[in-house]
Amino acid sequence: MSQAMRNDMIERLCSRTSMNENEVVCLSDAEVEYYHWLYFEDESVYNLM
């Protein structure tokens, strides 16, 4: 994952969830992708309806 993509995902997780930035920064790339998928994957499905 590129650094820009990671920073974007971290920013989204911090702004739209209860996770704080210090917790998210310590996560691995795979964990950041997992939490991003967990919280935001359904969002895109509803936008298609």
N, C-alpha and C. Protein backbone atom coordinates (compact mmCIF):
# COMPACT_ATOMS: atom_id res chain seq x y z
N MET A 1 0.86 -1.16 0.00
CA MET A 1 0.00 0.00 0.00
C MET A 1 0.90 1.23 0.00
N SER A 2 0.53 2.21 -0.77
CA SER A 2 1.32 3.44 -0.82
C SER A 2 1.09 4.26 0.45
N GLN A 3 2.04 5.13 0.73
CA GLN A 3 1.94 5.96 1.93
C GLN A 3 0.75 6.92 1.83
N ALA A 4 0.50 7.45 0.64
CA ALA A 4 -0.63 8.36 0.45
C ALA A 4 -1.96 7.65 0.71
N MET A 5 -2.08 6.42 0.21
CA MET A 5 -3.30 5.64 0.42
C MET A 5 -3.48 5.34 1.92
N ARG A 6 -2.40 4.95 2.57
CA ARG A 6 -2.46 4.66 4.01
C ARG A 6 -2.88 5.90 4.79
N ASN A 7 -2.29 7.05 4.46
CA ASN A 7 -2.64 8.29 5.16
C ASN A 7 -4.10 8.65 4.96
N ASP A 8 -4.62 8.43 3.76
CA ASP A 8 -6.03 8.70 3.48
C ASP A 8 -6.94 7.79 4.30
N MET A 9 -6.59 6.50 4.36
CA MET A 9 -7.38 5.55 5.14
C MET A 9 -7.33 5.89 6.62
N ILE A 10 -6.16 6.27 7.12
CA ILE A 10 -6.02 6.64 8.53
C ILE A 10 -6.86 7.87 8.84
N GLU A 11 -6.82 8.85 7.96
CA GLU A 11 -7.60 10.06 8.16
C GLU A 11 -9.10 9.76 8.21
N ARG A 12 -9.55 8.91 7.30
CA ARG A 12 -10.97 8.52 7.28
C ARG A 12 -11.37 7.76 8.53
N LEU A 13 -10.53 6.82 8.96
CA LEU A 13 -10.84 6.04 10.17
C LEU A 13 -10.91 6.95 11.39
N CYS A 14 -10.02 7.90 11.49
CA CYS A 14 -9.99 8.80 12.65
C CYS A 14 -11.18 9.75 12.65
N SER A 15 -11.57 10.22 11.47
CA SER A 15 -12.63 11.22 11.42
C SER A 15 -14.03 10.62 11.54
N ARG A 16 -14.21 9.36 11.13
CA ARG A 16 -15.56 8.79 11.11
C ARG A 16 -15.79 7.65 12.08
N THR A 17 -14.79 7.33 12.89
CA THR A 17 -14.95 6.28 13.89
C THR A 17 -14.48 6.79 15.23
N SER A 18 -14.60 5.98 16.24
CA SER A 18 -14.16 6.38 17.58
C SER A 18 -12.68 6.08 17.81
N MET A 19 -12.00 5.58 16.79
CA MET A 19 -10.57 5.27 16.93
C MET A 19 -9.77 6.57 16.91
N ASN A 20 -8.76 6.66 17.79
CA ASN A 20 -7.93 7.87 17.76
C ASN A 20 -6.72 7.63 16.87
N GLU A 21 -6.05 8.70 16.50
CA GLU A 21 -4.96 8.62 15.53
C GLU A 21 -3.78 7.79 16.03
N ASN A 22 -3.48 7.86 17.32
CA ASN A 22 -2.36 7.09 17.87
C ASN A 22 -2.60 5.59 17.74
N GLU A 23 -3.83 5.14 17.93
CA GLU A 23 -4.15 3.72 17.77
C GLU A 23 -4.00 3.29 16.32
N VAL A 24 -4.50 4.09 15.41
CA VAL A 24 -4.53 3.73 14.00
C VAL A 24 -3.12 3.74 13.41
N VAL A 25 -2.30 4.70 13.80
CA VAL A 25 -0.93 4.80 13.26
C VAL A 25 -0.11 3.56 13.63
N CYS A 26 -0.39 2.96 14.77
CA CYS A 26 0.35 1.79 15.22
C CYS A 26 -0.07 0.50 14.52
N LEU A 27 -1.16 0.52 13.77
CA LEU A 27 -1.65 -0.67 13.09
C LEU A 27 -0.80 -0.97 11.85
N SER A 28 -0.75 -2.23 11.48
CA SER A 28 -0.06 -2.63 10.25
C SER A 28 -0.92 -2.25 9.05
N ASP A 29 -0.35 -2.32 7.86
CA ASP A 29 -1.09 -2.01 6.64
C ASP A 29 -2.31 -2.92 6.49
N ALA A 30 -2.13 -4.20 6.78
CA ALA A 30 -3.24 -5.14 6.67
C ALA A 30 -4.36 -4.80 7.64
N GLU A 31 -4.02 -4.39 8.85
CA GLU A 31 -5.04 -4.03 9.83
C GLU A 31 -5.77 -2.75 9.42
N VAL A 32 -5.04 -1.78 8.88
CA VAL A 32 -5.69 -0.55 8.41
C VAL A 32 -6.66 -0.87 7.29
N GLU A 33 -6.25 -1.72 6.35
CA GLU A 33 -7.14 -2.12 5.26
C GLU A 33 -8.35 -2.86 5.78
N TYR A 34 -8.16 -3.73 6.77
CA TYR A 34 -9.28 -4.49 7.34
C TYR A 34 -10.29 -3.55 8.00
N TYR A 35 -9.82 -2.65 8.85
CA TYR A 35 -10.75 -1.74 9.51
C TYR A 35 -11.44 -0.81 8.52
N HIS A 36 -10.73 -0.39 7.50
CA HIS A 36 -11.34 0.45 6.48
C HIS A 36 -12.44 -0.33 5.76
N TRP A 37 -12.16 -1.59 5.42
CA TRP A 37 -13.17 -2.44 4.79
C TRP A 37 -14.35 -2.65 5.73
N LEU A 38 -14.06 -2.90 7.01
CA LEU A 38 -15.10 -3.19 7.99
C LEU A 38 -16.05 -2.01 8.17
N TYR A 39 -15.51 -0.81 8.25
CA TYR A 39 -16.34 0.36 8.51
C TYR A 39 -16.92 1.01 7.26
N PHE A 40 -16.27 0.90 6.12
CA PHE A 40 -16.67 1.68 4.96
C PHE A 40 -17.12 0.88 3.75
N GLU A 41 -16.99 -0.43 3.75
CA GLU A 41 -17.38 -1.22 2.59
C GLU A 41 -18.89 -1.12 2.35
N ASP A 42 -19.70 -1.20 3.38
CA ASP A 42 -21.15 -1.12 3.22
C ASP A 42 -21.59 0.24 2.70
N GLU A 43 -20.83 1.27 3.02
CA GLU A 43 -21.15 2.62 2.59
C GLU A 43 -21.25 2.69 1.07
N SER A 44 -20.32 2.05 0.37
CA SER A 44 -20.33 2.11 -1.09
C SER A 44 -21.47 1.29 -1.68
N VAL A 45 -21.85 0.21 -1.02
CA VAL A 45 -22.95 -0.61 -1.50
C VAL A 45 -24.25 0.18 -1.45
N TYR A 46 -24.48 0.93 -0.37
CA TYR A 46 -25.71 1.71 -0.27
C TYR A 46 -25.74 2.87 -1.26
N ASN A 47 -24.58 3.37 -1.61
CA ASN A 47 -24.54 4.46 -2.60
C ASN A 47 -24.96 3.98 -3.98
N LEU A 48 -24.81 2.69 -4.25
CA LEU A 48 -25.19 2.16 -5.55
C LEU A 48 -26.69 1.93 -5.67
N MET A 49 -27.40 1.88 -4.58
CA MET A 49 -28.85 1.61 -4.62
C MET A 49 -29.63 2.85 -4.99
